[in-house]
Amino acid sequence: MNPVNACFISYRHTNDPDAHKFVMAFVRQLNKQLKCWLPGFPVYFDEKGLNVGDQYNEELAYQLCHSACMVLFFSPLHFDPCHPYCALEYHAMLKLEERRLGQAVDDLRNKGLIFPVVFRGENCLPEEIRAKRHYENLDHITVEADFAKRDCQARLKGLAEQIFYRYRALHNAGIFQNEDCGKFRFPDLATIQPWLESVAPMCISPMPGH
């Protein structure tokens, strides 16, 4: 069996190469820190999209289930009703988190498996995340090279350490051996649509005449 992913990176895909450089720089530096804790354990990051013919929902759901935790690289339109994949990933991870932490993993009491990293738009972070989860705020990052600076490296080192502890606890509890990721699926979009519309920073306006 291939190594379980250290983490799954959830981020808002855009067609803007300049914006993409920031998430690439973040993933590169986080991966560098994780190699000190979990050498040989991959980070799942859908950089280029899947291949022609791949079943998109099924493959992403499998990779999420095959990951110890999720790193949510947050920007203001992360939860966008017009682009719902980030919301589907988040709610699928909530389901995994509830199931995994409900199996009496003592080392993870009062711990979560979702790590929000706010790149932009702290005020747009849904209240359920802001109120219940510690999140890392990297709003001070202005250029890609800032991810390699001492302050950011210290924060990413701490994030990598927490990912390692989650991975170790889940592994030692036998959680990964009991997961049938081939059958794991995202929730139906209709079931999360009301939530998505309630947290979206911009409402969907009907086209003129509709």
C-alpha atoms as a PDB file:
ATOM      1  CA  MET A   1       0.000   0.000   0.000  1.00  0.00           C
ATOM      2  CA  ASN A   2       1.299   3.466  -0.878  1.00  0.00           C
ATOM      3  CA  PRO A   3       2.064   5.807   2.044  1.00  0.00           C
ATOM      4  CA  VAL A   4      -0.936   7.758   3.271  1.00  0.00           C
ATOM      5  CA  ASN A   5      -0.704  11.432   2.304  1.00  0.00           C
ATOM      6  CA  ALA A   6       0.659  13.603   5.089  1.00  0.00           C
ATOM      7  CA  CYS A   7      -2.010  16.151   4.191  1.00  0.00           C
ATOM      8  CA  PHE A   8      -4.396  17.291   1.476  1.00  0.00           C
ATOM      9  CA  ILE A   9      -4.053  20.915   0.352  1.00  0.00           C
ATOM     10  CA  SER A  10      -7.418  22.548  -0.315  1.00  0.00           C
ATOM     11  CA  TYR A  11      -7.186  25.805  -2.231  1.00  0.00           C
ATOM     12  CA  ARG A  12      -9.246  27.825  -4.677  1.00  0.00           C
ATOM     13  CA  HIS A  13      -8.132  27.075  -8.223  1.00  0.00           C
ATOM     14  CA  THR A  14      -7.910  30.119 -10.456  1.00  0.00           C
ATOM     15  CA  ASN A  15      -6.689  30.694 -13.977  1.00  0.00           C
ATOM     16  CA  ASP A  16      -4.425  33.493 -12.765  1.00  0.00           C
ATOM     17  CA  PRO A  17      -0.755  32.442 -12.892  1.00  0.00           C
ATOM     18  CA  ASP A  18       0.287  35.236 -10.510  1.00  0.00           C
ATOM     19  CA  ALA A  19      -2.142  34.063  -7.821  1.00  0.00           C
ATOM     20  CA  HIS A  20      -1.087  30.466  -8.390  1.00  0.00           C
ATOM     21  CA  LYS A  21       2.531  31.359  -7.614  1.00  0.00           C
ATOM     22  CA  PHE A  22       1.605  32.127  -4.007  1.00  0.00           C
ATOM     23  CA  VAL A  23      -0.017  28.770  -3.291  1.00  0.00           C
ATOM     24  CA  MET A  24       2.869  27.030  -5.064  1.00  0.00           C
ATOM     25  CA  ALA A  25       5.371  28.852  -2.841  1.00  0.00           C
ATOM     26  CA  PHE A  26       3.373  27.920   0.267  1.00  0.00           C
ATOM     27  CA  VAL A  27       3.155  24.238  -0.685  1.00  0.00           C
ATOM     28  CA  ARG A  28       6.850  24.100  -1.562  1.00  0.00           C
ATOM     29  CA  GLN A  29       7.901  25.505   1.823  1.00  0.00           C
ATOM     30  CA  LEU A  30       5.408  23.410   3.816  1.00  0.00           C
ATOM     31  CA  ASN A  31       6.589  20.298   1.995  1.00  0.00           C
ATOM     32  CA  LYS A  32      10.170  21.174   2.870  1.00  0.00           C
ATOM     33  CA  GLN A  33       9.264  21.357   6.564  1.00  0.00           C
ATOM     34  CA  LEU A  34       7.207  18.161   6.430  1.00  0.00           C
ATOM     35  CA  LYS A  35      10.132  16.200   5.006  1.00  0.00           C
ATOM     36  CA  CYS A  36      11.871  16.659   8.350  1.00  0.00           C
ATOM     37  CA  TRP A  37       8.931  15.016  10.133  1.00  0.00           C
ATOM     38  CA  LEU A  38       7.478  12.593   7.585  1.00  0.00           C
ATOM     39  CA  PRO A  39      10.125  11.842   4.949  1.00  0.00           C
ATOM     40  CA  GLY A  40       8.684   9.954   2.016  1.00  0.00           C
ATOM     41  CA  PHE A  41       5.070  10.788   2.852  1.00  0.00           C
ATOM     42  CA  PRO A  42       3.474  12.829   0.064  1.00  0.00           C
ATOM     43  CA  VAL A  43       1.492  16.040   0.231  1.00  0.00           C
ATOM     44  CA  TYR A  44      -1.539  15.863  -2.040  1.00  0.00           C
ATOM     45  CA  PHE A  45      -1.771  19.027  -4.065  1.00  0.00           C
ATOM     46  CA  ASP A  46      -3.816  19.049  -7.268  1.00  0.00           C
ATOM     47  CA  GLU A  47      -1.454  21.409  -9.049  1.00  0.00           C
ATOM     48  CA  LYS A  48      -2.280  20.738 -12.688  1.00  0.00           C
ATOM     49  CA  GLY A  49      -5.690  19.145 -12.425  1.00  0.00           C
ATOM     50  CA  LEU A  50      -6.493  15.531 -13.130  1.00  0.00           C
ATOM     51  CA  ASN A  51      -5.972  13.687 -16.393  1.00  0.00           C
ATOM     52  CA  VAL A  52      -8.502  13.469 -19.200  1.00  0.00           C
ATOM     53  CA  GLY A  53     -10.993  10.740 -18.389  1.00  0.00           C
ATOM     54  CA  ASP A  54     -10.452  10.806 -14.626  1.00  0.00           C
ATOM     55  CA  GLN A  55     -13.577  10.841 -12.482  1.00  0.00           C
ATOM     56  CA  TYR A  56     -12.950  14.144 -10.754  1.00  0.00           C
ATOM     57  CA  ASN A  57     -15.144  13.750  -7.677  1.00  0.00           C
ATOM     58  CA  GLU A  58     -14.069  10.180  -7.037  1.00  0.00           C
ATOM     59  CA  GLU A  59     -10.342  10.833  -7.379  1.00  0.00           C
ATOM     60  CA  LEU A  60     -10.351  13.906  -5.141  1.00  0.00           C
ATOM     61  CA  ALA A  61     -12.510  12.116  -2.577  1.00  0.00           C
ATOM     62  CA  TYR A  62     -10.109   9.161  -2.598  1.00  0.00           C
ATOM     63  CA  GLN A  63      -7.055  11.392  -2.118  1.00  0.00           C
ATOM     64  CA  LEU A  64      -8.759  13.292   0.701  1.00  0.00           C
ATOM     65  CA  CYS A  65      -9.676  10.063   2.474  1.00  0.00           C
ATOM     66  CA  HIS A  66      -6.105   8.846   1.853  1.00  0.00           C
ATOM     67  CA  SER A  67      -4.760  11.885   3.753  1.00  0.00           C
ATOM     68  CA  ALA A  68      -4.186  12.250   7.484  1.00  0.00           C
ATOM     69  CA  CYS A  69      -5.544  15.795   7.529  1.00  0.00           C
ATOM     70  CA  MET A  70      -6.416  18.840   5.436  1.00  0.00           C
ATOM     71  CA  VAL A  71      -4.604  22.154   5.128  1.00  0.00           C
ATOM     72  CA  LEU A  72      -7.103  24.775   4.029  1.00  0.00           C
ATOM     73  CA  PHE A  73      -5.243  27.564   2.194  1.00  0.00           C
ATOM     74  CA  PHE A  74      -7.870  30.260   2.598  1.00  0.00           C
ATOM     75  CA  SER A  75      -8.528  33.304   0.431  1.00  0.00           C
ATOM     76  CA  PRO A  76     -11.722  35.428   0.378  1.00  0.00           C
ATOM     77  CA  LEU A  77     -13.511  33.390  -2.315  1.00  0.00           C
ATOM     78  CA  HIS A  78     -12.483  29.990  -0.985  1.00  0.00           C
ATOM     79  CA  PHE A  79     -16.145  29.166  -0.337  1.00  0.00           C
ATOM     80  CA  ASP A  80     -17.815  30.363  -3.514  1.00  0.00           C
ATOM     81  CA  PRO A  81     -21.217  29.006  -4.647  1.00  0.00           C
ATOM     82  CA  CYS A  82     -20.068  29.315  -8.253  1.00  0.00           C
ATOM     83  CA  HIS A  83     -16.995  27.183  -7.546  1.00  0.00           C
ATOM     84  CA  PRO A  84     -18.118  24.701  -4.868  1.00  0.00           C
ATOM     85  CA  TYR A  85     -15.237  22.218  -4.827  1.00  0.00           C
ATOM     86  CA  CYS A  86     -13.512  23.760  -1.810  1.00  0.00           C
ATOM     87  CA  ALA A  87     -16.788  23.546   0.115  1.00  0.00           C
ATOM     88  CA  LEU A  88     -17.224  19.911  -0.912  1.00  0.00           C
ATOM     89  CA  GLU A  89     -13.687  19.124   0.234  1.00  0.00           C
ATOM     90  CA  TYR A  90     -14.246  20.894   3.549  1.00  0.00           C
ATOM     91  CA  HIS A  91     -17.492  19.084   4.323  1.00  0.00           C
ATOM     92  CA  ALA A  92     -16.040  15.750   3.268  1.00  0.00           C
ATOM     93  CA  MET A  93     -13.139  16.335   5.672  1.00  0.00           C
ATOM     94  CA  LEU A  94     -15.586  17.241   8.438  1.00  0.00           C
ATOM     95  CA  LYS A  95     -17.172  13.822   7.921  1.00  0.00           C
ATOM     96  CA  LEU A  96     -13.772  12.091   8.018  1.00  0.00           C
ATOM     97  CA  GLU A  97     -12.738  14.080  11.073  1.00  0.00           C
ATOM     98  CA  GLU A  98     -15.885  13.137  12.985  1.00  0.00           C
ATOM     99  CA  ARG A  99     -15.479   9.472  12.088  1.00  0.00           C
ATOM    100  CA  ARG A 100     -11.784   9.262  12.855  1.00  0.00           C
ATOM    101  CA  LEU A 101     -11.836  11.218  16.085  1.00  0.00           C
ATOM    102  CA  GLY A 102     -14.896   9.302  17.231  1.00  0.00           C
ATOM    103  CA  GLN A 103     -12.825   6.126  17.428  1.00  0.00           C
ATOM    104  CA  ALA A 104     -11.378   7.013  20.853  1.00  0.00           C
ATOM    105  CA  VAL A 105      -7.985   8.219  19.656  1.00  0.00           C
ATOM    106  CA  ASP A 106      -6.780   9.502  23.023  1.00  0.00           C
ATOM    107  CA  ASP A 107      -3.832  11.424  21.609  1.00  0.00           C
ATOM    108  CA  LEU A 108      -6.214  13.543  19.523  1.00  0.00           C
ATOM    109  CA  ARG A 109      -8.680  14.567  22.214  1.00  0.00           C
ATOM    110  CA  ASN A 110      -9.741  18.179  21.537  1.00  0.00           C
ATOM    111  CA  LYS A 111      -7.670  18.155  18.350  1.00  0.00           C
ATOM    112  CA  GLY A 112      -8.871  18.650  14.791  1.00  0.00           C
ATOM    113  CA  LEU A 113      -7.771  17.369  11.399  1.00  0.00           C
ATOM    114  CA  ILE A 114      -8.393  20.626   9.509  1.00  0.00           C
ATOM    115  CA  PHE A 115      -5.694  23.303   9.573  1.00  0.00           C
ATOM    116  CA  PRO A 116      -6.902  26.668   8.228  1.00  0.00           C
ATOM    117  CA  VAL A 117      -4.139  28.892   6.866  1.00  0.00           C
ATOM    118  CA  VAL A 118      -5.488  32.354   6.057  1.00  0.00           C
ATOM    119  CA  PHE A 119      -3.592  33.874   3.162  1.00  0.00           C
ATOM    120  CA  ARG A 120      -6.063  36.683   2.541  1.00  0.00           C
ATOM    121  CA  GLY A 121      -9.468  37.691   3.916  1.00  0.00           C
ATOM    122  CA  GLU A 122      -9.455  36.838   7.611  1.00  0.00           C
ATOM    123  CA  ASN A 123     -12.806  38.627   7.993  1.00  0.00           C
ATOM    124  CA  CYS A 124     -14.278  36.300   5.353  1.00  0.00           C
ATOM    125  CA  LEU A 125     -13.401  33.172   7.327  1.00  0.00           C
ATOM    126  CA  PRO A 126     -16.670  31.453   8.326  1.00  0.00           C
ATOM    127  CA  GLU A 127     -17.529  31.979  11.970  1.00  0.00           C
ATOM    128  CA  GLU A 128     -17.685  28.227  12.628  1.00  0.00           C
ATOM    129  CA  ILE A 129     -14.003  28.007  11.731  1.00  0.00           C
ATOM    130  CA  ARG A 130     -12.972  31.251  13.401  1.00  0.00           C
ATOM    131  CA  ALA A 131     -14.723  30.365  16.674  1.00  0.00           C
ATOM    132  CA  LYS A 132     -13.763  26.697  16.956  1.00  0.00           C
ATOM    133  CA  ARG A 133     -10.372  26.249  15.318  1.00  0.00           C
ATOM    134  CA  HIS A 134      -6.990  27.841  15.732  1.00  0.00           C
ATOM    135  CA  TYR A 135      -5.856  29.167  12.381  1.00  0.00           C
ATOM    136  CA  GLU A 136      -2.615  30.529  11.031  1.00  0.00           C
ATOM    137  CA  ASN A 137      -2.774  34.046   9.596  1.00  0.00           C
ATOM    138  CA  LEU A 138      -0.282  34.699   6.796  1.00  0.00           C
ATOM    139  CA  ASP A 139      -1.849  37.926   5.603  1.00  0.00           C
ATOM    140  CA  HIS A 140       1.528  39.651   5.996  1.00  0.00           C
ATOM    141  CA  ILE A 141       2.885  37.704   3.008  1.00  0.00           C
ATOM    142  CA  THR A 142       3.272  40.117   0.102  1.00  0.00           C
ATOM    143  CA  VAL A 143       5.591  38.276  -2.311  1.00  0.00           C
ATOM    144  CA  GLU A 144       6.256  34.575  -2.829  1.00  0.00           C
ATOM    145  CA  ALA A 145       9.735  34.858  -1.326  1.00  0.00           C
ATOM    146  CA  ASP A 146       8.181  35.808   2.040  1.00  0.00           C
ATOM    147  CA  PHE A 147       7.249  32.154   2.587  1.00  0.00           C
ATOM    148  CA  ALA A 148      10.968  31.380   2.906  1.00  0.00           C
ATOM    149  CA  LYS A 149      11.622  34.053   5.543  1.00  0.00           C
ATOM    150  CA  ARG A 150      12.386  33.149   9.154  1.00  0.00           C
ATOM    151  CA  ASP A 151       9.009  34.138  10.640  1.00  0.00           C
ATOM    152  CA  CYS A 152       7.003  32.174   8.095  1.00  0.00           C
ATOM    153  CA  GLN A 153       9.362  29.209   8.287  1.00  0.00           C
ATOM    154  CA  ALA A 154       8.809  29.049  12.049  1.00  0.00           C
ATOM    155  CA  ARG A 155       5.042  28.969  11.522  1.00  0.00           C
ATOM    156  CA  LEU A 156       5.285  26.299   8.841  1.00  0.00           C
ATOM    157  CA  LYS A 157       7.582  24.260  11.065  1.00  0.00           C
ATOM    158  CA  GLY A 158       4.881  24.366  13.751  1.00  0.00           C
ATOM    159  CA  LEU A 159       2.226  23.358  11.214  1.00  0.00           C
ATOM    160  CA  ALA A 160       4.354  20.456   9.991  1.00  0.00           C
ATOM    161  CA  GLU A 161       4.877  19.305  13.570  1.00  0.00           C
ATOM    162  CA  GLN A 162       1.115  19.266  14.240  1.00  0.00           C
ATOM    163  CA  ILE A 163       0.481  17.341  11.007  1.00  0.00           C
ATOM    164  CA  PHE A 164       3.053  14.781  12.152  1.00  0.00           C
ATOM    165  CA  TYR A 165       1.334  14.340  15.525  1.00  0.00           C
ATOM    166  CA  ARG A 166      -2.034  13.800  13.828  1.00  0.00           C
ATOM    167  CA  TYR A 167      -0.514  11.305  11.416  1.00  0.00           C
ATOM    168  CA  ARG A 168       1.254   9.382  14.179  1.00  0.00           C
ATOM    169  CA  ALA A 169      -1.852   9.185  16.380  1.00  0.00           C
ATOM    170  CA  LEU A 170      -4.080   8.001  13.526  1.00  0.00           C
ATOM    171  CA  HIS A 171      -1.485   5.487  12.372  1.00  0.00           C
ATOM    172  CA  ASN A 172      -0.904   4.070  15.854  1.00  0.00           C
ATOM    173  CA  ALA A 173      -4.661   3.746  16.386  1.00  0.00           C
ATOM    174  CA  GLY A 174      -4.984   1.706  13.179  1.00  0.00           C
ATOM    175  CA  ILE A 175      -7.330   4.231  11.585  1.00  0.00           C
ATOM    176  CA  PHE A 176      -5.771   4.083   8.127  1.00  0.00           C
ATOM    177  CA  GLN A 177      -5.998   0.290   7.920  1.00  0.00           C
ATOM    178  CA  ASN A 178      -9.747   0.476   8.500  1.00  0.00           C
ATOM    179  CA  GLU A 179     -10.468   3.134   5.866  1.00  0.00           C
ATOM    180  CA  ASP A 180     -11.986   1.960   2.584  1.00  0.00           C
ATOM    181  CA  CYS A 181     -11.133   5.072   0.605  1.00  0.00           C
ATOM    182  CA  GLY A 182     -12.290   3.553  -2.656  1.00  0.00           C
ATOM    183  CA  LYS A 183     -15.869   3.929  -1.429  1.00  0.00           C
ATOM    184  CA  PHE A 184     -15.530   7.378   0.126  1.00  0.00           C
ATOM    185  CA  ARG A 185     -17.499  10.087  -1.654  1.00  0.00           C
ATOM    186  CA  PHE A 186     -18.073  13.820  -1.383  1.00  0.00           C
ATOM    187  CA  PRO A 187     -21.465  14.925  -0.062  1.00  0.00           C
ATOM    188  CA  ASP A 188     -24.101  15.864  -2.602  1.00  0.00           C
ATOM    189  CA  LEU A 189     -23.817  19.525  -3.496  1.00  0.00           C
ATOM    190  CA  ALA A 190     -27.512  20.055  -2.754  1.00  0.00           C
ATOM    191  CA  THR A 191     -26.981  19.097   0.886  1.00  0.00           C
ATOM    192  CA  ILE A 192     -24.340  21.776   1.484  1.00  0.00           C
ATOM    193  CA  GLN A 193     -25.701  24.487  -0.812  1.00  0.00           C
ATOM    194  CA  PRO A 194     -27.596  26.337   1.961  1.00  0.00           C
ATOM    195  CA  TRP A 195     -24.445  26.364   4.120  1.00  0.00           C
ATOM    196  CA  LEU A 196     -22.330  27.528   1.196  1.00  0.00           C
ATOM    197  CA  GLU A 197     -24.684  30.375   0.394  1.00  0.00           C
ATOM    198  CA  SER A 198     -24.757  31.409   4.060  1.00  0.00           C
ATOM    199  CA  VAL A 199     -20.956  31.759   4.304  1.00  0.00           C
ATOM    200  CA  ALA A 200     -20.251  33.092   0.812  1.00  0.00           C
ATOM    201  CA  PRO A 201     -18.721  36.580   0.964  1.00  0.00           C
ATOM    202  CA  MET A 202     -20.686  37.678  -2.098  1.00  0.00           C
ATOM    203  CA  CYS A 203     -24.280  36.799  -2.872  1.00  0.00           C
ATOM    204  CA  ILE A 204     -25.229  35.329  -6.230  1.00  0.00           C
ATOM    205  CA  SER A 205     -27.182  37.958  -8.131  1.00  0.00           C
ATOM    206  CA  PRO A 206     -29.585  36.924 -10.882  1.00  0.00           C
ATOM    207  CA  MET A 207     -28.802  38.090 -14.386  1.00  0.00           C
ATOM    208  CA  PRO A 208     -30.795  41.126 -15.556  1.00  0.00           C
ATOM    209  CA  GLY A 209     -34.163  40.014 -16.826  1.00  0.00           C
ATOM    210  CA  HIS A 210     -34.258  36.835 -14.687  1.00  0.00           C
END
